[in-house]
Amino acid sequence: MRKILAFMLVLCMIFAFSACGEEEQTSLAQSTVSSVESKAESTVSSVESKVESVVESKVESTVSSKPEPEVVPNQLEQYKKAGQLTRAIVLDSFKQESFTSSTGTVVRYSIYIPSNYDKSKKYPLVTFLHGAGERGYDNKKQLNNMVWELFDYSIEEMSNAIVIAPQCLEGEQWVDTPWANGNYSTAAVAESDELGGVVELIKWINSNYSTNTKRQYAIGLSMGGFGVWDLIMRHTEMFTAAVPVCGGADPAMASKLKNFPVYTLHGDADPTVPVAGTRAMAQALKDAGNTVYRYDEVPGGQHNVWTHAATSTDAVKWMFSKTKK
């Protein structure tokens, strides 16, 4: 029916057009063309608007439906939350590697890298120095004391950091001084090859892993306590904060550590390394104007106060709270 009416309308227009004069025909033609052009423009505009609307809708739909990046959990934290974290799990999370210094010293070290390590992020670096009883060649024994407790009691901080634990060779020392003497002079005792190798290792780790150079920490016990003191006295600029436990240092270097955060601990009944050395160093720091050091003297504490340091103090959390400006 619509087609018949349209056909009749066209016939009427043709008849009317033919009945008009030449001027009227021209006018009518121009009017028809204008009408057609106007309708064409309107149609094109409508189509363009619909196309833009469809495209925008598709883009918005695509953006909104894009999945969020997957958050990969830290395995050790997951074990801890589930109550399944064990000493074996922590120690097995370390890999054994070796590094050769510019002087030819081979530094065997164990390294912990977070299971969800992401190169786009920056990780704190912790250097752990063991005691005399863990010296050797197996590159594992250096993890025997304190490491497990550090992770167990400070899992959030430790499991989200890169941790290196170098092993001093049997018969060698981090600092070449008798432990029974307590404190020593850095002017008289040169940096050992072993500790010099550790310094180069730290620099190599910083160059090859995504570490935060504003968060460089050191923890050490006994012989390693001496080592940590030696590191921060000779290379203060490399570190952010340190926790040397039952070690010895050079009080003459306290002025260099005037603004350095250090938390040191010693047992007052230590039969191996005299507590007098740490007392003297703590007093020297105070006299130098250091207001960011802490000293805990453990009443009745024997030599192995590192367990107390890791499990009964906030030393690790305190250390991780420090950041270089």
C-alpha atoms as a PDB file:
ATOM      1  CA  MET A   1       0.000   0.000   0.000  1.00  0.00           C
ATOM      2  CA  ARG A   2       2.872   2.394   0.950  1.00  0.00           C
ATOM      3  CA  LYS A   3       4.625   1.662  -2.362  1.00  0.00           C
ATOM      4  CA  ILE A   4       1.418   2.530  -4.365  1.00  0.00           C
ATOM      5  CA  LEU A   5       0.985   5.857  -2.528  1.00  0.00           C
ATOM      6  CA  ALA A   6       4.654   6.722  -3.083  1.00  0.00           C
ATOM      7  CA  PHE A   7       4.369   5.924  -6.787  1.00  0.00           C
ATOM      8  CA  MET A   8       1.239   8.133  -7.116  1.00  0.00           C
ATOM      9  CA  LEU A   9       3.035  10.962  -5.292  1.00  0.00           C
ATOM     10  CA  VAL A  10       5.940  10.790  -7.735  1.00  0.00           C
ATOM     11  CA  LEU A  11       3.499  10.911 -10.705  1.00  0.00           C
ATOM     12  CA  CYS A  12       1.806  13.975  -9.267  1.00  0.00           C
ATOM     13  CA  MET A  13       5.178  15.686  -8.837  1.00  0.00           C
ATOM     14  CA  ILE A  14       6.156  14.883 -12.428  1.00  0.00           C
ATOM     15  CA  PHE A  15       2.795  16.198 -13.710  1.00  0.00           C
ATOM     16  CA  ALA A  16       3.094  19.350 -11.625  1.00  0.00           C
ATOM     17  CA  PHE A  17       6.652  19.855 -12.801  1.00  0.00           C
ATOM     18  CA  SER A  18       5.712  19.476 -16.464  1.00  0.00           C
ATOM     19  CA  ALA A  19       2.760  21.850 -16.076  1.00  0.00           C
ATOM     20  CA  CYS A  20       4.934  24.596 -14.680  1.00  0.00           C
ATOM     21  CA  GLY A  21       6.676  27.228 -16.696  1.00  0.00           C
ATOM     22  CA  GLU A  22      10.389  27.202 -17.238  1.00  0.00           C
ATOM     23  CA  GLU A  23      11.102  29.534 -14.317  1.00  0.00           C
ATOM     24  CA  GLU A  24       8.835  27.573 -12.014  1.00  0.00           C
ATOM     25  CA  GLN A  25      10.495  24.306 -13.114  1.00  0.00           C
ATOM     26  CA  THR A  26      13.931  25.744 -12.312  1.00  0.00           C
ATOM     27  CA  SER A  27      12.734  26.958  -8.914  1.00  0.00           C
ATOM     28  CA  LEU A  28      11.097  23.650  -8.150  1.00  0.00           C
ATOM     29  CA  ALA A  29      14.238  21.746  -9.167  1.00  0.00           C
ATOM     30  CA  GLN A  30      16.426  23.927  -6.973  1.00  0.00           C
ATOM     31  CA  SER A  31      14.038  23.480  -4.067  1.00  0.00           C
ATOM     32  CA  THR A  32      14.048  19.703  -4.559  1.00  0.00           C
ATOM     33  CA  VAL A  33      17.863  19.591  -4.741  1.00  0.00           C
ATOM     34  CA  SER A  34      18.162  21.699  -1.573  1.00  0.00           C
ATOM     35  CA  SER A  35      15.733  19.415   0.203  1.00  0.00           C
ATOM     36  CA  VAL A  36      17.631  16.328  -0.893  1.00  0.00           C
ATOM     37  CA  GLU A  37      20.971  17.851   0.153  1.00  0.00           C
ATOM     38  CA  SER A  38      19.545  18.852   3.515  1.00  0.00           C
ATOM     39  CA  LYS A  39      18.183  15.368   4.104  1.00  0.00           C
ATOM     40  CA  ALA A  40      21.484  13.806   2.974  1.00  0.00           C
ATOM     41  CA  GLU A  41      23.469  15.998   5.384  1.00  0.00           C
ATOM     42  CA  SER A  42      21.060  15.146   8.178  1.00  0.00           C
ATOM     43  CA  THR A  43      21.369  11.445   7.403  1.00  0.00           C
ATOM     44  CA  VAL A  44      25.194  11.545   7.291  1.00  0.00           C
ATOM     45  CA  SER A  45      25.329  13.495  10.556  1.00  0.00           C
ATOM     46  CA  SER A  46      23.011  10.981  12.164  1.00  0.00           C
ATOM     47  CA  VAL A  47      25.122   8.065  10.927  1.00  0.00           C
ATOM     48  CA  GLU A  48      28.363   9.699  12.126  1.00  0.00           C
ATOM     49  CA  SER A  49      26.845  10.320  15.540  1.00  0.00           C
ATOM     50  CA  LYS A  50      25.737   6.706  15.809  1.00  0.00           C
ATOM     51  CA  VAL A  51      29.157   5.438  14.710  1.00  0.00           C
ATOM     52  CA  GLU A  52      30.937   7.643  17.286  1.00  0.00           C
ATOM     53  CA  SER A  53      28.557   6.433  19.964  1.00  0.00           C
ATOM     54  CA  VAL A  54      29.182   2.795  19.087  1.00  0.00           C
ATOM     55  CA  VAL A  55      32.981   3.276  18.999  1.00  0.00           C
ATOM     56  CA  GLU A  56      33.022   5.097  22.345  1.00  0.00           C
ATOM     57  CA  SER A  57      30.858   2.404  23.843  1.00  0.00           C
ATOM     58  CA  LYS A  58      33.209  -0.312  22.565  1.00  0.00           C
ATOM     59  CA  VAL A  59      36.299   1.520  23.893  1.00  0.00           C
ATOM     60  CA  GLU A  60      34.747   2.069  27.311  1.00  0.00           C
ATOM     61  CA  SER A  61      33.676  -1.547  27.398  1.00  0.00           C
ATOM     62  CA  THR A  62      37.196  -2.692  26.516  1.00  0.00           C
ATOM     63  CA  VAL A  63      38.835  -0.451  29.128  1.00  0.00           C
ATOM     64  CA  SER A  64      36.422  -1.393  31.886  1.00  0.00           C
ATOM     65  CA  SER A  65      36.733  -5.094  31.114  1.00  0.00           C
ATOM     66  CA  LYS A  66      40.593  -5.057  31.168  1.00  0.00           C
ATOM     67  CA  PRO A  67      41.677  -7.297  34.052  1.00  0.00           C
ATOM     68  CA  GLU A  68      43.627  -5.842  36.993  1.00  0.00           C
ATOM     69  CA  PRO A  69      47.282  -6.938  37.176  1.00  0.00           C
ATOM     70  CA  GLU A  70      47.584 -10.093  39.244  1.00  0.00           C
ATOM     71  CA  VAL A  71      49.053  -9.618  42.725  1.00  0.00           C
ATOM     72  CA  VAL A  72      51.535 -12.425  43.316  1.00  0.00           C
ATOM     73  CA  PRO A  73      51.736 -13.355  47.006  1.00  0.00           C
ATOM     74  CA  ASN A  74      54.988 -13.740  48.897  1.00  0.00           C
ATOM     75  CA  GLN A  75      55.407 -17.448  49.633  1.00  0.00           C
ATOM     76  CA  LEU A  76      57.066 -17.087  53.040  1.00  0.00           C
ATOM     77  CA  GLU A  77      54.363 -14.668  54.175  1.00  0.00           C
ATOM     78  CA  GLN A  78      51.748 -17.158  52.995  1.00  0.00           C
ATOM     79  CA  TYR A  79      53.406 -19.942  55.015  1.00  0.00           C
ATOM     80  CA  LYS A  80      53.536 -17.686  58.067  1.00  0.00           C
ATOM     81  CA  LYS A  81      49.859 -16.743  57.799  1.00  0.00           C
ATOM     82  CA  ALA A  82      48.953 -20.411  57.485  1.00  0.00           C
ATOM     83  CA  GLY A  83      51.070 -21.288  60.529  1.00  0.00           C
ATOM     84  CA  GLN A  84      53.295 -23.494  58.374  1.00  0.00           C
ATOM     85  CA  LEU A  85      56.537 -21.506  58.309  1.00  0.00           C
ATOM     86  CA  THR A  86      59.467 -23.648  59.440  1.00  0.00           C
ATOM     87  CA  ARG A  87      63.206 -23.248  59.802  1.00  0.00           C
ATOM     88  CA  ALA A  88      63.741 -25.613  56.860  1.00  0.00           C
ATOM     89  CA  ILE A  89      61.415 -23.629  54.597  1.00  0.00           C
ATOM     90  CA  VAL A  90      63.211 -20.366  55.389  1.00  0.00           C
ATOM     91  CA  LEU A  91      66.723 -21.745  54.905  1.00  0.00           C
ATOM     92  CA  ASP A  92      65.731 -23.594  51.721  1.00  0.00           C
ATOM     93  CA  SER A  93      64.544 -20.302  50.261  1.00  0.00           C
ATOM     94  CA  PHE A  94      68.199 -19.198  50.017  1.00  0.00           C
ATOM     95  CA  LYS A  95      70.264 -19.967  46.920  1.00  0.00           C
ATOM     96  CA  GLN A  96      74.000 -20.559  47.078  1.00  0.00           C
ATOM     97  CA  GLU A  97      76.199 -18.362  44.873  1.00  0.00           C
ATOM     98  CA  SER A  98      79.790 -17.101  44.728  1.00  0.00           C
ATOM     99  CA  PHE A  99      81.471 -13.829  43.847  1.00  0.00           C
ATOM    100  CA  THR A 100      85.111 -13.014  43.103  1.00  0.00           C
ATOM    101  CA  SER A 101      86.406  -9.618  44.190  1.00  0.00           C
ATOM    102  CA  SER A 102      88.840  -7.417  42.277  1.00  0.00           C
ATOM    103  CA  THR A 103      91.652  -8.754  44.484  1.00  0.00           C
ATOM    104  CA  GLY A 104      90.762 -12.361  43.736  1.00  0.00           C
ATOM    105  CA  THR A 105      88.965 -13.109  47.010  1.00  0.00           C
ATOM    106  CA  VAL A 106      86.185 -15.631  46.448  1.00  0.00           C
ATOM    107  CA  VAL A 107      83.129 -14.785  48.519  1.00  0.00           C
ATOM    108  CA  ARG A 108      80.669 -17.630  48.890  1.00  0.00           C
ATOM    109  CA  TYR A 109      77.236 -16.319  49.802  1.00  0.00           C
ATOM    110  CA  SER A 110      73.649 -17.429  50.193  1.00  0.00           C
ATOM    111  CA  ILE A 111      71.007 -15.108  48.821  1.00  0.00           C
ATOM    112  CA  TYR A 112      67.289 -14.801  49.456  1.00  0.00           C
ATOM    113  CA  ILE A 113      65.157 -13.230  46.724  1.00  0.00           C
ATOM    114  CA  PRO A 114      61.424 -12.724  47.425  1.00  0.00           C
ATOM    115  CA  SER A 115      59.344 -15.309  45.550  1.00  0.00           C
ATOM    116  CA  ASN A 116      57.306 -12.490  44.000  1.00  0.00           C
ATOM    117  CA  TYR A 117      60.378 -10.471  42.975  1.00  0.00           C
ATOM    118  CA  ASP A 118      59.425  -7.741  40.493  1.00  0.00           C
ATOM    119  CA  LYS A 119      62.127  -5.799  38.645  1.00  0.00           C
ATOM    120  CA  SER A 120      59.882  -2.749  38.533  1.00  0.00           C
ATOM    121  CA  LYS A 121      60.020  -2.482  42.339  1.00  0.00           C
ATOM    122  CA  LYS A 122      62.880  -1.540  44.663  1.00  0.00           C
ATOM    123  CA  TYR A 123      63.795  -3.896  47.512  1.00  0.00           C
ATOM    124  CA  PRO A 124      65.705  -3.230  50.744  1.00  0.00           C
ATOM    125  CA  LEU A 125      69.047  -5.047  50.900  1.00  0.00           C
ATOM    126  CA  VAL A 126      70.084  -6.799  54.117  1.00  0.00           C
ATOM    127  CA  THR A 127      73.652  -8.031  54.616  1.00  0.00           C
ATOM    128  CA  PHE A 128      73.927 -10.666  57.349  1.00  0.00           C
ATOM    129  CA  LEU A 129      77.327 -11.535  58.840  1.00  0.00           C
ATOM    130  CA  HIS A 130      77.603 -14.780  60.812  1.00  0.00           C
ATOM    131  CA  GLY A 131      79.768 -15.693  63.787  1.00  0.00           C
ATOM    132  CA  ALA A 132      82.981 -17.721  64.053  1.00  0.00           C
ATOM    133  CA  GLY A 133      81.219 -21.052  64.480  1.00  0.00           C
ATOM    134  CA  GLU A 134      79.636 -20.837  61.033  1.00  0.00           C
ATOM    135  CA  ARG A 135      82.848 -20.386  59.034  1.00  0.00           C
ATOM    136  CA  GLY A 136      83.536 -22.948  56.331  1.00  0.00           C
ATOM    137  CA  TYR A 137      83.159 -23.854  52.674  1.00  0.00           C
ATOM    138  CA  ASP A 138      79.660 -25.322  52.380  1.00  0.00           C
ATOM    139  CA  ASN A 139      77.951 -21.932  51.851  1.00  0.00           C
ATOM    140  CA  LYS A 140      75.078 -22.974  54.102  1.00  0.00           C
ATOM    141  CA  LYS A 141      76.362 -23.106  57.668  1.00  0.00           C
ATOM    142  CA  GLN A 142      76.327 -19.293  57.897  1.00  0.00           C
ATOM    143  CA  LEU A 143      72.526 -19.506  58.076  1.00  0.00           C
ATOM    144  CA  ASN A 144      72.525 -21.635  61.237  1.00  0.00           C
ATOM    145  CA  ASN A 145      72.181 -18.867  63.824  1.00  0.00           C
ATOM    146  CA  MET A 146      69.671 -15.984  63.958  1.00  0.00           C
ATOM    147  CA  VAL A 147      68.535 -16.097  60.291  1.00  0.00           C
ATOM    148  CA  TRP A 148      65.523 -18.315  60.936  1.00  0.00           C
ATOM    149  CA  GLU A 149      64.473 -16.205  63.922  1.00  0.00           C
ATOM    150  CA  LEU A 150      64.824 -12.980  61.930  1.00  0.00           C
ATOM    151  CA  PHE A 151      62.327 -14.262  59.367  1.00  0.00           C
ATOM    152  CA  ASP A 152      60.002 -15.905  61.870  1.00  0.00           C
ATOM    153  CA  TYR A 153      59.636 -12.826  64.077  1.00  0.00           C
ATOM    154  CA  SER A 154      59.923 -10.137  61.380  1.00  0.00           C
ATOM    155  CA  ILE A 155      58.408 -11.928  58.400  1.00  0.00           C
ATOM    156  CA  GLU A 156      56.901  -8.871  56.701  1.00  0.00           C
ATOM    157  CA  GLU A 157      60.195  -6.975  56.668  1.00  0.00           C
ATOM    158  CA  MET A 158      62.622  -9.825  55.989  1.00  0.00           C
ATOM    159  CA  SER A 159      60.591 -11.745  53.397  1.00  0.00           C
ATOM    160  CA  ASN A 160      60.132  -8.612  51.290  1.00  0.00           C
ATOM    161  CA  ALA A 161      63.819  -7.744  51.214  1.00  0.00           C
ATOM    162  CA  ILE A 162      66.810  -9.152  49.362  1.00  0.00           C
ATOM    163  CA  VAL A 163      69.068 -10.817  51.929  1.00  0.00           C
ATOM    164  CA  ILE A 164      72.696 -11.845  51.399  1.00  0.00           C
ATOM    165  CA  ALA A 165      74.650 -13.972  53.860  1.00  0.00           C
ATOM    166  CA  PRO A 166      78.330 -14.323  52.883  1.00  0.00           C
ATOM    167  CA  GLN A 167      80.397 -17.088  54.482  1.00  0.00           C
ATOM    168  CA  CYS A 168      83.825 -16.397  55.921  1.00  0.00           C
ATOM    169  CA  LEU A 169      86.331 -19.170  55.199  1.00  0.00           C
ATOM    170  CA  GLU A 170      87.572 -21.431  57.966  1.00  0.00           C
ATOM    171  CA  GLY A 171      90.507 -19.840  59.770  1.00  0.00           C
ATOM    172  CA  GLU A 172      89.685 -16.316  58.552  1.00  0.00           C
ATOM    173  CA  GLN A 173      87.878 -13.428  60.279  1.00  0.00           C
ATOM    174  CA  TRP A 174      85.717 -10.532  59.207  1.00  0.00           C
ATOM    175  CA  VAL A 175      87.993  -8.297  61.291  1.00  0.00           C
ATOM    176  CA  ASP A 176      91.554  -9.385  62.068  1.00  0.00           C
ATOM    177  CA  THR A 177      91.543  -8.665  65.778  1.00  0.00           C
ATOM    178  CA  PRO A 178      91.327 -10.944  68.866  1.00  0.00           C
ATOM    179  CA  TRP A 179      87.688 -11.088  69.954  1.00  0.00           C
ATOM    180  CA  ALA A 180      88.647 -11.362  73.619  1.00  0.00           C
ATOM    181  CA  ASN A 181      90.148  -7.872  73.388  1.00  0.00           C
ATOM    182  CA  GLY A 182      86.787  -6.363  72.522  1.00  0.00           C
ATOM    183  CA  ASN A 183      87.397  -3.020  70.824  1.00  0.00           C
ATOM    184  CA  TYR A 184      90.243  -2.299  68.417  1.00  0.00           C
ATOM    185  CA  SER A 185      91.727   0.499  66.305  1.00  0.00           C
ATOM    186  CA  THR A 186      90.780   0.764  62.630  1.00  0.00           C
ATOM    187  CA  ALA A 187      93.988   2.746  62.131  1.00  0.00           C
ATOM    188  CA  ALA A 188      96.017  -0.260  63.285  1.00  0.00           C
ATOM    189  CA  VAL A 189      93.853  -3.018  61.801  1.00  0.00           C
ATOM    190  CA  ALA A 190      93.352  -2.875  58.037  1.00  0.00           C
ATOM    191  CA  GLU A 191      90.150  -4.010  56.378  1.00  0.00           C
ATOM    192  CA  SER A 192      90.310  -7.773  55.858  1.00  0.00           C
ATOM    193  CA  ASP A 193      90.220  -9.324  52.381  1.00  0.00           C
ATOM    194  CA  GLU A 194      87.036 -11.116  53.420  1.00  0.00           C
ATOM    195  CA  LEU A 195      85.217  -7.926  54.404  1.00  0.00           C
ATOM    196  CA  GLY A 196      86.602  -6.059  51.401  1.00  0.00           C
ATOM    197  CA  GLY A 197      85.100  -8.807  49.242  1.00  0.00           C
ATOM    198  CA  VAL A 198      81.753  -8.341  50.982  1.00  0.00           C
ATOM    199  CA  VAL A 199      81.841  -4.598  50.217  1.00  0.00           C
ATOM    200  CA  GLU A 200      82.357  -5.356  46.513  1.00  0.00           C
ATOM    201  CA  LEU A 201      79.637  -8.020  46.629  1.00  0.00           C
ATOM    202  CA  ILE A 202      77.135  -5.499  48.030  1.00  0.00           C
ATOM    203  CA  LYS A 203      77.951  -3.095  45.218  1.00  0.00           C
ATOM    204  CA  TRP A 204      77.552  -5.900  42.663  1.00  0.00           C
ATOM    205  CA  ILE A 205      74.170  -6.905  44.113  1.00  0.00           C
ATOM    206  CA  ASN A 206      73.001  -3.296  43.906  1.00  0.00           C
ATOM    207  CA  SER A 207      74.044  -3.173  40.245  1.00  0.00           C
ATOM    208  CA  ASN A 208      72.428  -6.460  39.262  1.00  0.00           C
ATOM    209  CA  TYR A 209      69.231  -6.562  41.304  1.00  0.00           C
ATOM    210  CA  SER A 210      66.440  -4.064  41.835  1.00  0.00           C
ATOM    211  CA  THR A 211      67.521  -2.799  45.249  1.00  0.00           C
ATOM    212  CA  ASN A 212      66.683   0.377  47.110  1.00  0.00           C
ATOM    213  CA  THR A 213      69.986   2.156  47.738  1.00  0.00           C
ATOM    214  CA  LYS A 214      68.269   4.277  50.380  1.00  0.00           C
ATOM    215  CA  ARG A 215      67.498   1.157  52.405  1.00  0.00           C
ATOM    216  CA  GLN A 216      70.747  -0.764  52.888  1.00  0.00           C
ATOM    217  CA  TYR A 217      70.974  -2.638  56.185  1.00  0.00           C
ATOM    218  CA  ALA A 218      73.518  -4.803  58.015  1.00  0.00           C
ATOM    219  CA  ILE A 219      73.048  -7.319  60.837  1.00  0.00           C
ATOM    220  CA  GLY A 220      75.819  -9.340  62.445  1.00  0.00           C
ATOM    221  CA  LEU A 221      76.464 -11.501  65.498  1.00  0.00           C
ATOM    222  CA  SER A 222      79.677 -12.099  67.441  1.00  0.00           C
ATOM    223  CA  MET A 223      82.463 -12.167  64.820  1.00  0.00           C
ATOM    224  CA  GLY A 224      79.787 -10.785  62.490  1.00  0.00           C
ATOM    225  CA  GLY A 225      79.079  -8.060  65.040  1.00  0.00           C
ATOM    226  CA  PHE A 226      82.696  -6.959  64.675  1.00  0.00           C
ATOM    227  CA  GLY A 227      82.203  -7.142  60.897  1.00  0.00           C
ATOM    228  CA  VAL A 228      79.113  -4.956  60.901  1.00  0.00           C
ATOM    229  CA  TRP A 229      80.793  -2.333  63.083  1.00  0.00           C
ATOM    230  CA  ASP A 230      83.764  -2.365  60.694  1.00  0.00           C
ATOM    231  CA  LEU A 231      81.523  -1.995  57.647  1.00  0.00           C
ATOM    232  CA  ILE A 232      79.625   1.010  58.938  1.00  0.00           C
ATOM    233  CA  MET A 233      82.762   2.704  60.300  1.00  0.00           C
ATOM    234  CA  ARG A 234      84.744   2.359  57.062  1.00  0.00           C
ATOM    235  CA  HIS A 235      81.841   2.609  54.587  1.00  0.00           C
ATOM    236  CA  THR A 236      79.239   4.682  56.417  1.00  0.00           C
ATOM    237  CA  GLU A 237      77.798   6.107  53.194  1.00  0.00           C
ATOM    238  CA  MET A 238      76.880   2.644  51.905  1.00  0.00           C
ATOM    239  CA  PHE A 239      74.452   1.829  54.712  1.00  0.00           C
ATOM    240  CA  THR A 240      71.215   3.139  56.160  1.00  0.00           C
ATOM    241  CA  ALA A 241      71.113   1.437  59.573  1.00  0.00           C
ATOM    242  CA  ALA A 242      72.749  -1.498  61.332  1.00  0.00           C
ATOM    243  CA  VAL A 243      72.304  -3.998  64.160  1.00  0.00           C
ATOM    244  CA  PRO A 244      75.663  -5.315  65.453  1.00  0.00           C
ATOM    245  CA  VAL A 245      75.205  -7.883  68.232  1.00  0.00           C
ATOM    246  CA  CYS A 246      77.857  -8.795  70.852  1.00  0.00           C
ATOM    247  CA  GLY A 247      80.770  -7.487  68.805  1.00  0.00           C
ATOM    248  CA  GLY A 248      83.517  -4.902  69.150  1.00  0.00           C
ATOM    249  CA  ALA A 249      84.320  -1.590  67.443  1.00  0.00           C
ATOM    250  CA  ASP A 250      86.600   1.447  67.427  1.00  0.00           C
ATOM    251  CA  PRO A 251      85.321   4.227  69.719  1.00  0.00           C
ATOM    252  CA  ALA A 252      87.641   6.669  67.942  1.00  0.00           C
ATOM    253  CA  MET A 253      85.374   6.344  64.892  1.00  0.00           C
ATOM    254  CA  ALA A 254      82.215   7.361  66.763  1.00  0.00           C
ATOM    255  CA  SER A 255      82.273  10.890  65.343  1.00  0.00           C
ATOM    256  CA  LYS A 256      81.946   9.447  61.843  1.00  0.00           C
ATOM    257  CA  LEU A 257      78.765   7.726  62.997  1.00  0.00           C
ATOM    258  CA  LYS A 258      77.313  10.841  64.629  1.00  0.00           C
ATOM    259  CA  ASN A 259      74.140  10.725  62.524  1.00  0.00           C
ATOM    260  CA  PHE A 260      74.067   7.002  61.773  1.00  0.00           C
ATOM    261  CA  PRO A 261      71.227   4.836  63.176  1.00  0.00           C
ATOM    262  CA  VAL A 262      72.734   1.854  64.979  1.00  0.00           C
ATOM    263  CA  TYR A 263      71.036  -0.534  67.417  1.00  0.00           C
ATOM    264  CA  THR A 264      73.583  -2.612  69.311  1.00  0.00           C
ATOM    265  CA  LEU A 265      73.043  -5.327  71.919  1.00  0.00           C
ATOM    266  CA  HIS A 266      75.305  -7.200  74.329  1.00  0.00           C
ATOM    267  CA  GLY A 267      74.836  -9.532  77.298  1.00  0.00           C
ATOM    268  CA  ASP A 268      76.374  -8.276  80.534  1.00  0.00           C
ATOM    269  CA  ALA A 269      77.590 -11.805  81.326  1.00  0.00           C
ATOM    270  CA  ASP A 270      79.169 -12.502  77.922  1.00  0.00           C
ATOM    271  CA  PRO A 271      82.187 -14.821  78.504  1.00  0.00           C
ATOM    272  CA  THR A 272      83.461 -14.642  74.894  1.00  0.00           C
ATOM    273  CA  VAL A 273      83.454 -10.991  73.822  1.00  0.00           C
ATOM    274  CA  PRO A 274      83.673  -8.514  76.721  1.00  0.00           C
ATOM    275  CA  VAL A 275      80.636  -6.287  77.155  1.00  0.00           C
ATOM    276  CA  ALA A 276      83.002  -3.438  78.074  1.00  0.00           C
ATOM    277  CA  GLY A 277      83.727  -2.913  74.370  1.00  0.00           C
ATOM    278  CA  THR A 278      80.111  -2.262  73.428  1.00  0.00           C
ATOM    279  CA  ARG A 279      79.610  -0.114  76.503  1.00  0.00           C
ATOM    280  CA  ALA A 280      82.578   2.034  75.465  1.00  0.00           C
ATOM    281  CA  MET A 281      81.301   2.326  71.896  1.00  0.00           C
ATOM    282  CA  ALA A 282      77.804   3.282  73.053  1.00  0.00           C
ATOM    283  CA  GLN A 283      79.276   5.959  75.334  1.00  0.00           C
ATOM    284  CA  ALA A 284      81.459   7.251  72.474  1.00  0.00           C
ATOM    285  CA  LEU A 285      78.393   7.552  70.227  1.00  0.00           C
ATOM    286  CA  LYS A 286      76.579   9.478  72.950  1.00  0.00           C
ATOM    287  CA  ASP A 287      79.560  11.778  73.476  1.00  0.00           C
ATOM    288  CA  ALA A 288      79.741  12.373  69.696  1.00  0.00           C
ATOM    289  CA  GLY A 289      76.165  13.647  69.750  1.00  0.00           C
ATOM    290  CA  ASN A 290      74.515  10.624  68.139  1.00  0.00           C
ATOM    291  CA  THR A 291      70.822  10.780  69.026  1.00  0.00           C
ATOM    292  CA  VAL A 292      69.729   7.926  66.762  1.00  0.00           C
ATOM    293  CA  TYR A 293      71.639   5.049  68.350  1.00  0.00           C
ATOM    294  CA  ARG A 294      70.197   2.483  70.756  1.00  0.00           C
ATOM    295  CA  TYR A 295      72.008   0.190  73.151  1.00  0.00           C
ATOM    296  CA  ASP A 296      70.396  -2.747  74.926  1.00  0.00           C
ATOM    297  CA  GLU A 297      72.466  -4.469  77.578  1.00  0.00           C
ATOM    298  CA  VAL A 298      70.819  -7.766  78.438  1.00  0.00           C
ATOM    299  CA  PRO A 299      70.944  -8.545  82.177  1.00  0.00           C
ATOM    300  CA  GLY A 300      72.459 -12.004  82.691  1.00  0.00           C
ATOM    301  CA  GLY A 301      72.839 -12.358  78.944  1.00  0.00           C
ATOM    302  CA  GLN A 302      75.488 -14.781  77.745  1.00  0.00           C
ATOM    303  CA  HIS A 303      77.193 -14.636  74.350  1.00  0.00           C
ATOM    304  CA  ASN A 304      74.192 -15.849  72.338  1.00  0.00           C
ATOM    305  CA  VAL A 305      72.027 -12.758  72.850  1.00  0.00           C
ATOM    306  CA  TRP A 306      71.339 -12.752  69.085  1.00  0.00           C
ATOM    307  CA  THR A 307      68.284 -14.919  69.744  1.00  0.00           C
ATOM    308  CA  HIS A 308      67.037 -12.300  72.191  1.00  0.00           C
ATOM    309  CA  ALA A 309      67.750  -9.571  69.630  1.00  0.00           C
ATOM    310  CA  ALA A 310      65.701 -11.321  66.946  1.00  0.00           C
ATOM    311  CA  THR A 311      62.795 -12.553  69.071  1.00  0.00           C
ATOM    312  CA  SER A 312      62.401 -10.198  72.022  1.00  0.00           C
ATOM    313  CA  THR A 313      63.215  -6.721  70.703  1.00  0.00           C
ATOM    314  CA  ASP A 314      62.024  -4.452  67.914  1.00  0.00           C
ATOM    315  CA  ALA A 315      65.571  -4.172  66.534  1.00  0.00           C
ATOM    316  CA  VAL A 316      64.696  -5.482  63.071  1.00  0.00           C
ATOM    317  CA  LYS A 317      61.536  -3.391  62.683  1.00  0.00           C
ATOM    318  CA  TRP A 318      63.460  -0.373  63.986  1.00  0.00           C
ATOM    319  CA  MET A 319      66.196  -0.967  61.416  1.00  0.00           C
ATOM    320  CA  PHE A 320      63.751  -1.317  58.523  1.00  0.00           C
ATOM    321  CA  SER A 321      62.014   1.903  59.556  1.00  0.00           C
ATOM    322  CA  LYS A 322      65.149   3.871  58.684  1.00  0.00           C
ATOM    323  CA  THR A 323      65.471   5.364  55.179  1.00  0.00           C
ATOM    324  CA  LYS A 324      68.102   7.680  53.779  1.00  0.00           C
ATOM    325  CA  LYS A 325      66.895  11.110  52.703  1.00  0.00           C
END
